[in-house]
């Protein structure tokens, strides 16, 4: 969409009505696609955020680490960090950072 607008200004030619309509359709489709990805991806990304902020931070305290040391040794916290819980697409955990990157790239 942006490239078509740049080509119009660089070329100095008038846009025909049909190409203006197609440019508008591409823009609207892009915005709708970004909104759909946000609506579908937000609940999926929230699972990974819940693990990171509620579970990981809740277990990262001296009392819990002391009790877990009997069973896991010194590996409890590194083990939790490497779990990386959440929904995956193509082996990548869907997190808010990924979701925002995809949506900002689309729009």
Protein backbone atom coordinates (compact mmCIF):
# COMPACT_ATOMS: atom_id res chain seq x y z
CA UNK A 1 0.00 0.00 0.00
CA UNK A 2 2.77 2.40 0.97
CA UNK A 3 4.82 1.36 -2.06
CA UNK A 4 1.89 2.11 -4.37
CA UNK A 5 1.53 5.58 -2.86
CA UNK A 6 5.28 6.24 -3.21
CA UNK A 7 5.22 5.05 -6.81
CA UNK A 8 2.35 7.45 -7.48
CA UNK A 9 4.21 10.46 -6.08
CA UNK A 10 7.54 9.55 -7.68
CA UNK A 11 5.99 8.76 -11.04
CA UNK A 12 3.87 11.90 -11.01
CA UNK A 13 1.01 10.18 -12.78
CA UNK A 14 -2.64 10.43 -11.89
CA UNK A 15 -4.19 7.46 -10.14
CA UNK A 16 -7.12 6.02 -11.96
CA UNK A 17 -10.32 5.50 -10.03
CA UNK A 18 -10.00 1.70 -10.19
CA UNK A 19 -6.46 1.74 -8.79
CA UNK A 20 -7.58 4.13 -6.04
CA UNK A 21 -10.36 1.72 -5.14
CA UNK A 22 -7.97 -1.22 -5.08
CA UNK A 23 -5.58 0.80 -2.90
CA UNK A 24 -8.44 1.48 -0.49
CA UNK A 25 -9.41 -2.21 -0.47
CA UNK A 26 -5.86 -3.25 0.34
CA UNK A 27 -5.71 -0.74 3.19
CA UNK A 28 -9.01 -1.86 4.69
CA UNK A 29 -8.09 -5.53 4.34
CA UNK A 30 -4.80 -4.93 6.11
CA UNK A 31 -6.46 -3.19 9.04
CA UNK A 32 -9.13 -5.88 9.33
CA UNK A 33 -6.46 -8.59 9.24
CA UNK A 34 -4.49 -6.92 12.03
CA UNK A 35 -7.65 -6.64 14.15
CA UNK A 36 -8.52 -10.32 13.60
CA UNK A 37 -4.99 -11.40 14.57
CA UNK A 38 -5.22 -9.31 17.75
CA UNK A 39 -8.64 -10.74 18.67
CA UNK A 40 -7.52 -14.34 18.12
CA UNK A 41 -3.97 -13.96 19.42
CA UNK A 42 -4.59 -12.03 22.63
CA UNK A 43 -6.04 -14.95 24.63
CA UNK A 44 -3.27 -17.23 23.37
CA UNK A 45 -0.56 -14.76 24.35
CA UNK A 46 -2.16 -14.20 27.75
CA UNK A 47 -1.31 -17.79 28.78
CA UNK A 48 2.43 -17.17 28.41
CA UNK A 49 2.14 -13.83 30.20
CA UNK A 50 0.24 -15.44 33.09
CA UNK A 51 2.97 -18.03 33.51
CA UNK A 52 5.72 -15.43 33.44
CA UNK A 53 4.14 -12.89 35.78
CA UNK A 54 2.06 -15.05 38.15
CA UNK A 55 3.64 -18.50 38.31
CA UNK A 56 7.32 -17.71 37.81
CA UNK A 57 7.36 -14.66 40.04
CA UNK A 58 5.22 -16.42 42.67
CA UNK A 59 7.64 -19.33 42.90
CA UNK A 60 10.73 -17.14 42.85
CA UNK A 61 10.93 -16.44 46.57
CA UNK A 62 13.39 -17.71 49.18
CA UNK A 63 10.93 -19.97 51.05
CA UNK A 64 9.77 -21.81 47.93
CA UNK A 65 13.29 -22.13 46.54
CA UNK A 66 14.53 -23.55 49.86
CA UNK A 67 11.76 -26.20 49.90
CA UNK A 68 12.25 -27.04 46.22
CA UNK A 69 16.00 -27.46 46.71
CA UNK A 70 15.37 -30.78 48.47
CA UNK A 71 13.73 -32.19 45.33
CA UNK A 72 15.32 -30.29 42.44
CA UNK A 73 18.64 -29.14 43.86
CA UNK A 74 19.87 -25.87 42.41
CA UNK A 75 18.02 -26.47 39.14
CA UNK A 76 14.48 -25.42 40.12
CA UNK A 77 14.53 -21.83 38.88
CA UNK A 78 16.53 -22.51 35.68
CA UNK A 79 14.13 -25.40 34.99
CA UNK A 80 11.13 -23.06 35.25
CA UNK A 81 12.78 -20.49 33.01
CA UNK A 82 13.45 -23.03 30.26
CA UNK A 83 9.91 -24.43 30.29
CA UNK A 84 8.55 -21.39 28.46
CA UNK A 85 4.90 -22.34 28.85
CA UNK A 86 2.26 -21.13 26.43
CA UNK A 87 0.70 -21.91 23.11
CA UNK A 88 3.12 -22.48 20.27
CA UNK A 89 2.99 -21.89 16.54
CA UNK A 90 5.91 -23.34 14.62
CA UNK A 91 7.78 -24.05 17.85
CA UNK A 92 7.63 -20.40 18.97
CA UNK A 93 5.68 -19.46 22.10
CA UNK A 94 2.99 -16.89 21.39
CA UNK A 95 3.77 -13.95 23.68
CA UNK A 96 2.53 -10.38 23.70
CA UNK A 97 5.84 -9.20 22.25
CA UNK A 98 5.45 -11.54 19.27
CA UNK A 99 1.79 -10.60 18.80
CA UNK A 100 2.53 -6.88 18.83
CA UNK A 101 5.42 -7.37 16.41
CA UNK A 102 3.22 -9.25 13.94
CA UNK A 103 0.39 -6.73 14.15
CA UNK A 104 2.66 -3.72 13.80
CA UNK A 105 4.34 -5.33 10.80
CA UNK A 106 0.99 -5.95 9.11
CA UNK A 107 -0.36 -2.46 9.65
